[in-house]
PDB file of N, CA and C in Angstrom:
ATOM      1  N   UNK A   1     186.340 -45.343  53.241  1.00  0.00           N
ATOM      2  CA  UNK A   1     185.254 -45.269  52.316  1.00  0.00           C
ATOM      3  C   UNK A   1     184.039 -45.965  52.930  1.00  0.00           C
ATOM      4  N   UNK A   2     182.871 -45.359  52.753  1.00  0.00           N
ATOM      5  CA  UNK A   2     181.662 -45.917  53.392  1.00  0.00           C
ATOM      6  C   UNK A   2     181.004 -46.984  52.505  1.00  0.00           C
ATOM      7  N   UNK A   3     180.150 -47.762  53.109  1.00  0.00           N
ATOM      8  CA  UNK A   3     179.412 -48.779  52.385  1.00  0.00           C
ATOM      9  C   UNK A   3     178.576 -48.132  51.318  1.00  0.00           C
ATOM     10  N   UNK A   4     177.973 -47.007  51.626  1.00  0.00           N
ATOM     11  CA  UNK A   4     177.110 -46.273  50.647  1.00  0.00           C
ATOM     12  C   UNK A   4     177.924 -45.862  49.428  1.00  0.00           C
ATOM     13  N   UNK A   5     179.124 -45.325  49.628  1.00  0.00           N
ATOM     14  CA  UNK A   5     179.917 -44.867  48.481  1.00  0.00           C
ATOM     15  C   UNK A   5     180.388 -46.074  47.648  1.00  0.00           C
ATOM     16  N   UNK A   6     180.744 -47.179  48.298  1.00  0.00           N
ATOM     17  CA  UNK A   6     181.112 -48.359  47.555  1.00  0.00           C
ATOM     18  C   UNK A   6     179.935 -48.918  46.762  1.00  0.00           C
ATOM     19  N   UNK A   7     178.758 -48.908  47.380  1.00  0.00           N
ATOM     20  CA  UNK A   7     177.520 -49.339  46.717  1.00  0.00           C
ATOM     21  C   UNK A   7     177.273 -48.491  45.500  1.00  0.00           C
ATOM     22  N   UNK A   8     177.443 -47.160  45.603  1.00  0.00           N
ATOM     23  CA  UNK A   8     177.203 -46.283  44.483  1.00  0.00           C
ATOM     24  C   UNK A   8     178.195 -46.528  43.349  1.00  0.00           C
ATOM     25  N   UNK A   9     179.344 -47.104  43.648  1.00  0.00           N
ATOM     26  CA  UNK A   9     180.359 -47.439  42.631  1.00  0.00           C
ATOM     27  C   UNK A   9     180.129 -48.828  42.051  1.00  0.00           C
ATOM     28  N   UNK A  10     179.094 -49.516  42.514  1.00  0.00           N
ATOM     29  CA  UNK A  10     178.739 -50.808  41.950  1.00  0.00           C
ATOM     30  C   UNK A  10     178.895 -52.030  42.883  1.00  0.00           C
ATOM     31  N   UNK A  11     179.475 -51.816  44.035  1.00  0.00           N
ATOM     32  CA  UNK A  11     179.643 -52.967  44.971  1.00  0.00           C
ATOM     33  C   UNK A  11     178.297 -53.440  45.484  1.00  0.00           C
ATOM     34  N   UNK A  12     178.128 -54.731  45.525  1.00  0.00           N
ATOM     35  CA  UNK A  12     176.855 -55.284  46.036  1.00  0.00           C
ATOM     36  C   UNK A  12     177.089 -56.330  47.119  1.00  0.00           C
ATOM     37  N   UNK A  13     178.241 -56.927  47.183  1.00  0.00           N
ATOM     38  CA  UNK A  13     178.569 -57.938  48.164  1.00  0.00           C
ATOM     39  C   UNK A  13     179.631 -57.462  49.099  1.00  0.00           C
ATOM     40  N   UNK A  14     179.385 -57.602  50.390  1.00  0.00           N
ATOM     41  CA  UNK A  14     180.314 -57.065  51.353  1.00  0.00           C
ATOM     42  C   UNK A  14     180.621 -58.129  52.455  1.00  0.00           C
ATOM     43  N   UNK A  15     181.825 -58.082  52.950  1.00  0.00           N
ATOM     44  CA  UNK A  15     182.188 -58.976  54.061  1.00  0.00           C
ATOM     45  C   UNK A  15     182.647 -58.093  55.219  1.00  0.00           C
ATOM     46  N   UNK A  16     182.175 -58.379  56.402  1.00  0.00           N
ATOM     47  CA  UNK A  16     182.513 -57.612  57.580  1.00  0.00           C
ATOM     48  C   UNK A  16     183.119 -58.575  58.632  1.00  0.00           C
ATOM     49  N   UNK A  17     184.125 -58.100  59.323  1.00  0.00           N
ATOM     50  CA  UNK A  17     184.742 -58.788  60.398  1.00  0.00           C
ATOM     51  C   UNK A  17     184.574 -57.923  61.661  1.00  0.00           C
ATOM     52  N   UNK A  18     183.882 -58.470  62.622  1.00  0.00           N
ATOM     53  CA  UNK A  18     183.644 -57.707  63.842  1.00  0.00           C
ATOM     54  C   UNK A  18     184.939 -57.382  64.567  1.00  0.00           C
ATOM     55  N   UNK A  19     184.919 -56.365  65.397  1.00  0.00           N
ATOM     56  CA  UNK A  19     186.071 -56.008  66.172  1.00  0.00           C
ATOM     57  C   UNK A  19     186.416 -57.123  67.156  1.00  0.00           C
ATOM     58  N   UNK A  20     187.672 -57.292  67.448  1.00  0.00           N
ATOM     59  CA  UNK A  20     188.120 -58.251  68.453  1.00  0.00           C
ATOM     60  C   UNK A  20     187.844 -57.705  69.867  1.00  0.00           C
ATOM     61  N   UNK A  21     188.002 -58.549  70.873  1.00  0.00           N
ATOM     62  CA  UNK A  21     187.922 -58.008  72.256  1.00  0.00           C
ATOM     63  C   UNK A  21     189.164 -57.144  72.490  1.00  0.00           C
ATOM     64  N   UNK A  22     189.013 -55.865  72.220  1.00  0.00           N
ATOM     65  CA  UNK A  22     190.113 -54.924  72.224  1.00  0.00           C
ATOM     66  C   UNK A  22     190.897 -54.870  73.502  1.00  0.00           C
ATOM     67  N   UNK A  23     190.186 -55.118  74.613  1.00  0.00           N
ATOM     68  CA  UNK A  23     190.826 -55.081  75.918  1.00  0.00           C
ATOM     69  C   UNK A  23     191.814 -56.211  76.123  1.00  0.00           C
ATOM     70  N   UNK A  24     191.855 -57.217  75.220  1.00  0.00           N
ATOM     71  CA  UNK A  24     192.783 -58.336  75.337  1.00  0.00           C
ATOM     72  C   UNK A  24     194.028 -58.092  74.521  1.00  0.00           C
ATOM     73  N   UNK A  25     194.102 -56.982  73.807  1.00  0.00           N
ATOM     74  CA  UNK A  25     195.336 -56.614  73.094  1.00  0.00           C
ATOM     75  C   UNK A  25     196.393 -56.281  74.119  1.00  0.00           C
ATOM     76  N   UNK A  26     197.645 -56.661  73.875  1.00  0.00           N
ATOM     77  CA  UNK A  26     198.701 -56.429  74.885  1.00  0.00           C
ATOM     78  C   UNK A  26     198.803 -54.983  75.343  1.00  0.00           C
ATOM     79  N   UNK A  27     198.677 -54.044  74.452  1.00  0.00           N
ATOM     80  CA  UNK A  27     198.802 -52.609  74.859  1.00  0.00           C
ATOM     81  C   UNK A  27     197.689 -52.195  75.814  1.00  0.00           C
ATOM     82  N   UNK A  28     196.494 -52.715  75.591  1.00  0.00           N
ATOM     83  CA  UNK A  28     195.399 -52.354  76.501  1.00  0.00           C
ATOM     84  C   UNK A  28     195.372 -53.207  77.743  1.00  0.00           C
ATOM     85  N   UNK A  29     195.848 -54.422  77.667  1.00  0.00           N
ATOM     86  CA  UNK A  29     195.988 -55.235  78.876  1.00  0.00           C
ATOM     87  C   UNK A  29     196.951 -54.550  79.889  1.00  0.00           C
ATOM     88  N   UNK A  30     197.926 -53.816  79.363  1.00  0.00           N
ATOM     89  CA  UNK A  30     198.878 -53.146  80.232  1.00  0.00           C
ATOM     90  C   UNK A  30     198.160 -52.058  81.070  1.00  0.00           C
ATOM     91  N   UNK A  31     197.045 -51.569  80.604  1.00  0.00           N
ATOM     92  CA  UNK A  31     196.221 -50.573  81.338  1.00  0.00           C
ATOM     93  C   UNK A  31     195.346 -51.185  82.421  1.00  0.00           C
ATOM     94  N   UNK A  32     195.239 -52.534  82.421  1.00  0.00           N
ATOM     95  CA  UNK A  32     194.334 -53.241  83.297  1.00  0.00           C
ATOM     96  C   UNK A  32     194.956 -53.360  84.697  1.00  0.00           C
ATOM     97  N   UNK A  33     194.221 -52.993  85.679  1.00  0.00           N
ATOM     98  CA  UNK A  33     194.660 -53.116  87.094  1.00  0.00           C
ATOM     99  C   UNK A  33     194.869 -54.608  87.461  1.00  0.00           C
ATOM    100  N   UNK A  34     194.153 -55.468  86.772  1.00  0.00           N
ATOM    101  CA  UNK A  34     194.169 -56.918  87.086  1.00  0.00           C
ATOM    102  C   UNK A  34     195.191 -57.669  86.169  1.00  0.00           C
ATOM    103  N   UNK A  35     196.065 -56.941  85.495  1.00  0.00           N
ATOM    104  CA  UNK A  35     196.953 -57.543  84.482  1.00  0.00           C
ATOM    105  C   UNK A  35     197.770 -58.647  85.047  1.00  0.00           C
ATOM    106  N   UNK A  36     198.154 -58.547  86.311  1.00  0.00           N
ATOM    107  CA  UNK A  36     199.004 -59.607  86.878  1.00  0.00           C
ATOM    108  C   UNK A  36     198.242 -60.903  87.018  1.00  0.00           C
ATOM    109  N   UNK A  37     196.899 -60.838  86.909  1.00  0.00           N
ATOM    110  CA  UNK A  37     196.085 -62.051  86.993  1.00  0.00           C
ATOM    111  C   UNK A  37     195.759 -62.558  85.581  1.00  0.00           C
ATOM    112  N   UNK A  38     196.300 -61.908  84.544  1.00  0.00           N
ATOM    113  CA  UNK A  38     196.090 -62.326  83.159  1.00  0.00           C
ATOM    114  C   UNK A  38     194.773 -61.892  82.551  1.00  0.00           C
ATOM    115  N   UNK A  39     194.120 -60.928  83.200  1.00  0.00           N
ATOM    116  CA  UNK A  39     192.826 -60.494  82.708  1.00  0.00           C
ATOM    117  C   UNK A  39     192.935 -59.468  81.614  1.00  0.00           C
ATOM    118  N   UNK A  40     191.822 -59.289  80.911  1.00  0.00           N
ATOM    119  CA  UNK A  40     191.743 -58.279  79.849  1.00  0.00           C
ATOM    120  C   UNK A  40     191.170 -57.006  80.447  1.00  0.00           C
ATOM    121  N   UNK A  41     191.322 -55.907  79.696  1.00  0.00           N
ATOM    122  CA  UNK A  41     190.787 -54.619  80.082  1.00  0.00           C
ATOM    123  C   UNK A  41     189.363 -54.577  79.569  1.00  0.00           C
ATOM    124  N   UNK A  42     188.432 -54.970  80.421  1.00  0.00           N
ATOM    125  CA  UNK A  42     187.041 -55.210  79.991  1.00  0.00           C
ATOM    126  C   UNK A  42     186.304 -53.980  79.507  1.00  0.00           C
ATOM    127  N   UNK A  43     186.669 -52.813  79.947  1.00  0.00           N
ATOM    128  CA  UNK A  43     186.003 -51.571  79.503  1.00  0.00           C
ATOM    129  C   UNK A  43     186.249 -51.412  78.000  1.00  0.00           C
ATOM    130  N   UNK A  44     187.449 -51.658  77.525  1.00  0.00           N
ATOM    131  CA  UNK A  44     187.760 -51.550  76.115  1.00  0.00           C
ATOM    132  C   UNK A  44     187.004 -52.636  75.321  1.00  0.00           C
ATOM    133  N   UNK A  45     186.962 -53.824  75.845  1.00  0.00           N
ATOM    134  CA  UNK A  45     186.262 -54.916  75.163  1.00  0.00           C
ATOM    135  C   UNK A  45     184.756 -54.627  75.099  1.00  0.00           C
ATOM    136  N   UNK A  46     184.229 -53.984  76.115  1.00  0.00           N
ATOM    137  CA  UNK A  46     182.803 -53.636  76.100  1.00  0.00           C
ATOM    138  C   UNK A  46     182.467 -52.640  74.975  1.00  0.00           C
ATOM    139  N   UNK A  47     183.417 -51.690  74.708  1.00  0.00           N
ATOM    140  CA  UNK A  47     183.174 -50.776  73.627  1.00  0.00           C
ATOM    141  C   UNK A  47     183.182 -51.510  72.252  1.00  0.00           C
ATOM    142  N   UNK A  48     184.087 -52.460  72.087  1.00  0.00           N
ATOM    143  CA  UNK A  48     184.153 -53.264  70.839  1.00  0.00           C
ATOM    144  C   UNK A  48     182.844 -54.035  70.713  1.00  0.00           C
ATOM    145  N   UNK A  49     182.372 -54.606  71.790  1.00  0.00           N
ATOM    146  CA  UNK A  49     181.130 -55.422  71.745  1.00  0.00           C
ATOM    147  C   UNK A  49     179.948 -54.504  71.382  1.00  0.00           C
ATOM    148  N   UNK A  50     179.876 -53.308  71.936  1.00  0.00           N
ATOM    149  CA  UNK A  50     178.818 -52.380  71.599  1.00  0.00           C
ATOM    150  C   UNK A  50     178.840 -52.008  70.070  1.00  0.00           C
ATOM    151  N   UNK A  51     180.044 -51.803  69.578  1.00  0.00           N
ATOM    152  CA  UNK A  51     180.181 -51.529  68.128  1.00  0.00           C
ATOM    153  C   UNK A  51     179.671 -52.719  67.337  1.00  0.00           C
ATOM    154  N   UNK A  52     180.092 -53.917  67.675  1.00  0.00           N
ATOM    155  CA  UNK A  52     179.684 -55.117  66.952  1.00  0.00           C
ATOM    156  C   UNK A  52     178.152 -55.310  66.992  1.00  0.00           C
ATOM    157  N   UNK A  53     177.531 -55.031  68.139  1.00  0.00           N
ATOM    158  CA  UNK A  53     176.095 -55.150  68.231  1.00  0.00           C
ATOM    159  C   UNK A  53     175.412 -54.140  67.359  1.00  0.00           C
ATOM    160  N   UNK A  54     175.897 -52.880  67.295  1.00  0.00           N
ATOM    161  CA  UNK A  54     175.340 -51.849  66.454  1.00  0.00           C
ATOM    162  C   UNK A  54     175.454 -52.255  64.998  1.00  0.00           C
ATOM    163  N   UNK A  55     176.616 -52.774  64.606  1.00  0.00           N
ATOM    164  CA  UNK A  55     176.828 -53.210  63.235  1.00  0.00           C
ATOM    165  C   UNK A  55     175.846 -54.291  62.853  1.00  0.00           C
ATOM    166  N   UNK A  56     175.652 -55.255  63.758  1.00  0.00           N
ATOM    167  CA  UNK A  56     174.684 -56.343  63.483  1.00  0.00           C
ATOM    168  C   UNK A  56     173.260 -55.839  63.329  1.00  0.00           C
ATOM    169  N   UNK A  57     172.923 -54.711  63.983  1.00  0.00           N
ATOM    170  CA  UNK A  57     171.601 -54.159  63.852  1.00  0.00           C
ATOM    171  C   UNK A  57     171.443 -53.308  62.566  1.00  0.00           C
ATOM    172  N   UNK A  58     172.515 -52.721  62.111  1.00  0.00           N
ATOM    173  CA  UNK A  58     172.461 -51.858  60.928  1.00  0.00           C
ATOM    174  C   UNK A  58     172.441 -52.688  59.631  1.00  0.00           C
ATOM    175  N   UNK A  59     173.204 -53.729  59.558  1.00  0.00           N
ATOM    176  CA  UNK A  59     173.321 -54.479  58.297  1.00  0.00           C
ATOM    177  C   UNK A  59     171.993 -54.980  57.753  1.00  0.00           C
ATOM    178  N   UNK A  60     171.105 -55.532  58.550  1.00  0.00           N
ATOM    179  CA  UNK A  60     169.817 -55.955  57.947  1.00  0.00           C
ATOM    180  C   UNK A  60     169.032 -54.831  57.382  1.00  0.00           C
ATOM    181  N   UNK A  61     169.097 -53.647  58.000  1.00  0.00           N
ATOM    182  CA  UNK A  61     168.347 -52.499  57.476  1.00  0.00           C
ATOM    183  C   UNK A  61     168.927 -52.050  56.132  1.00  0.00           C
ATOM    184  N   UNK A  62     170.288 -52.136  55.973  1.00  0.00           N
ATOM    185  CA  UNK A  62     170.909 -51.791  54.694  1.00  0.00           C
ATOM    186  C   UNK A  62     170.465 -52.783  53.603  1.00  0.00           C
ATOM    187  N   UNK A  63     170.267 -54.000  54.011  1.00  0.00           N
ATOM    188  CA  UNK A  63     169.791 -55.017  53.021  1.00  0.00           C
ATOM    189  C   UNK A  63     168.423 -54.672  52.473  1.00  0.00           C
ATOM    190  N   UNK A  64     167.604 -53.991  53.277  1.00  0.00           N
ATOM    191  CA  UNK A  64     166.280 -53.587  52.810  1.00  0.00           C
ATOM    192  C   UNK A  64     166.315 -52.286  52.002  1.00  0.00           C
ATOM    193  N   UNK A  65     167.264 -51.420  52.293  1.00  0.00           N
ATOM    194  CA  UNK A  65     167.338 -50.106  51.657  1.00  0.00           C
ATOM    195  C   UNK A  65     168.133 -50.142  50.326  1.00  0.00           C
ATOM    196  N   UNK A  66     169.213 -50.926  50.305  1.00  0.00           N
ATOM    197  CA  UNK A  66     170.062 -50.963  49.117  1.00  0.00           C
ATOM    198  C   UNK A  66     169.758 -52.206  48.293  1.00  0.00           C
ATOM    199  N   UNK A  67     169.190 -52.010  47.144  1.00  0.00           N
ATOM    200  CA  UNK A  67     168.781 -53.157  46.289  1.00  0.00           C
ATOM    201  C   UNK A  67     170.023 -53.956  45.868  1.00  0.00           C
ATOM    202  N   UNK A  68     169.952 -55.259  46.091  1.00  0.00           N
ATOM    203  CA  UNK A  68     171.041 -56.167  45.722  1.00  0.00           C
ATOM    204  C   UNK A  68     172.150 -56.281  46.760  1.00  0.00           C
ATOM    205  N   UNK A  69     172.059 -55.545  47.865  1.00  0.00           N
ATOM    206  CA  UNK A  69     173.083 -55.559  48.909  1.00  0.00           C
ATOM    207  C   UNK A  69     173.079 -56.921  49.628  1.00  0.00           C
ATOM    208  N   UNK A  70     174.197 -57.585  49.627  1.00  0.00           N
ATOM    209  CA  UNK A  70     174.362 -58.825  50.336  1.00  0.00           C
ATOM    210  C   UNK A  70     175.613 -58.692  51.243  1.00  0.00           C
ATOM    211  N   UNK A  71     175.590 -59.392  52.362  1.00  0.00           N
ATOM    212  CA  UNK A  71     176.698 -59.237  53.287  1.00  0.00           C
ATOM    213  C   UNK A  71     176.904 -60.554  54.084  1.00  0.00           C
ATOM    214  N   UNK A  72     178.125 -60.630  54.585  1.00  0.00           N
ATOM    215  CA  UNK A  72     178.453 -61.679  55.554  1.00  0.00           C
ATOM    216  C   UNK A  72     179.140 -60.948  56.704  1.00  0.00           C
ATOM    217  N   UNK A  73     178.750 -61.277  57.916  1.00  0.00           N
ATOM    218  CA  UNK A  73     179.311 -60.643  59.090  1.00  0.00           C
ATOM    219  C   UNK A  73     179.926 -61.728  59.986  1.00  0.00           C
ATOM    220  N   UNK A  74     181.234 -61.787  59.995  1.00  0.00           N
ATOM    221  CA  UNK A  74     181.958 -62.804  60.766  1.00  0.00           C
ATOM    222  C   UNK A  74     182.154 -62.316  62.200  1.00  0.00           C
ATOM    223  N   UNK A  75     181.849 -63.181  63.136  1.00  0.00           N
ATOM    224  CA  UNK A  75     181.932 -62.818  64.557  1.00  0.00           C
ATOM    225  C   UNK A  75     183.333 -63.125  65.085  1.00  0.00           C
ATOM    226  N   UNK A  76     184.260 -62.252  64.795  1.00  0.00           N
ATOM    227  CA  UNK A  76     185.648 -62.404  65.217  1.00  0.00           C
ATOM    228  C   UNK A  76     185.773 -62.234  66.736  1.00  0.00           C
ATOM    229  N   UNK A  77     184.928 -61.399  67.326  1.00  0.00           N
ATOM    230  CA  UNK A  77     184.979 -61.172  68.760  1.00  0.00           C
ATOM    231  C   UNK A  77     184.858 -62.459  69.547  1.00  0.00           C
ATOM    232  N   UNK A  78     183.758 -63.170  69.308  1.00  0.00           N
ATOM    233  CA  UNK A  78     183.542 -64.430  70.030  1.00  0.00           C
ATOM    234  C   UNK A  78     184.582 -65.514  69.704  1.00  0.00           C
ATOM    235  N   UNK A  79     184.979 -65.559  68.409  1.00  0.00           N
ATOM    236  CA  UNK A  79     185.979 -66.538  68.011  1.00  0.00           C
ATOM    237  C   UNK A  79     187.258 -66.338  68.776  1.00  0.00           C
ATOM    238  N   UNK A  80     187.758 -65.100  68.801  1.00  0.00           N
ATOM    239  CA  UNK A  80     189.014 -64.853  69.512  1.00  0.00           C
ATOM    240  C   UNK A  80     188.871 -64.976  71.043  1.00  0.00           C
ATOM    241  N   UNK A  81     187.723 -64.542  71.549  1.00  0.00           N
ATOM    242  CA  UNK A  81     187.487 -64.655  73.008  1.00  0.00           C
ATOM    243  C   UNK A  81     187.519 -66.130  73.447  1.00  0.00           C
ATOM    244  N   UNK A  82     186.936 -66.962  72.623  1.00  0.00           N
ATOM    245  CA  UNK A  82     186.956 -68.411  72.921  1.00  0.00           C
ATOM    246  C   UNK A  82     188.392 -68.944  72.948  1.00  0.00           C
ATOM    247  N   UNK A  83     189.212 -68.468  72.014  1.00  0.00           N
ATOM    248  CA  UNK A  83     190.598 -68.904  71.995  1.00  0.00           C
ATOM    249  C   UNK A  83     191.357 -68.391  73.194  1.00  0.00           C
ATOM    250  N   UNK A  84     191.104 -67.154  73.610  1.00  0.00           N
ATOM    251  CA  UNK A  84     191.793 -66.580  74.767  1.00  0.00           C
ATOM    252  C   UNK A  84     191.379 -67.347  76.068  1.00  0.00           C
ATOM    253  N   UNK A  85     190.080 -67.585  76.185  1.00  0.00           N
ATOM    254  CA  UNK A  85     189.604 -68.242  77.399  1.00  0.00           C
ATOM    255  C   UNK A  85     190.085 -69.717  77.421  1.00  0.00           C
TER     256      UNK A  85
END
């Protein structure tokens, strides 16, 4: 369900959790040529980071377009990356 459809049903406050560094998931680490060195599959993590950046750019514009729209965007990517590192 989209933010717009939830908004139309009366939702005004939203919480978002950014994508994790996907390349650090065990299934994707197995695709990494450097897996024996404990590295993550950075191409997959780069896609997650691009998504998170796009989301961060879209949310403020929604705040201006949708009256009463409030949001919180938690940066799970950096939080988990810090734990992994």
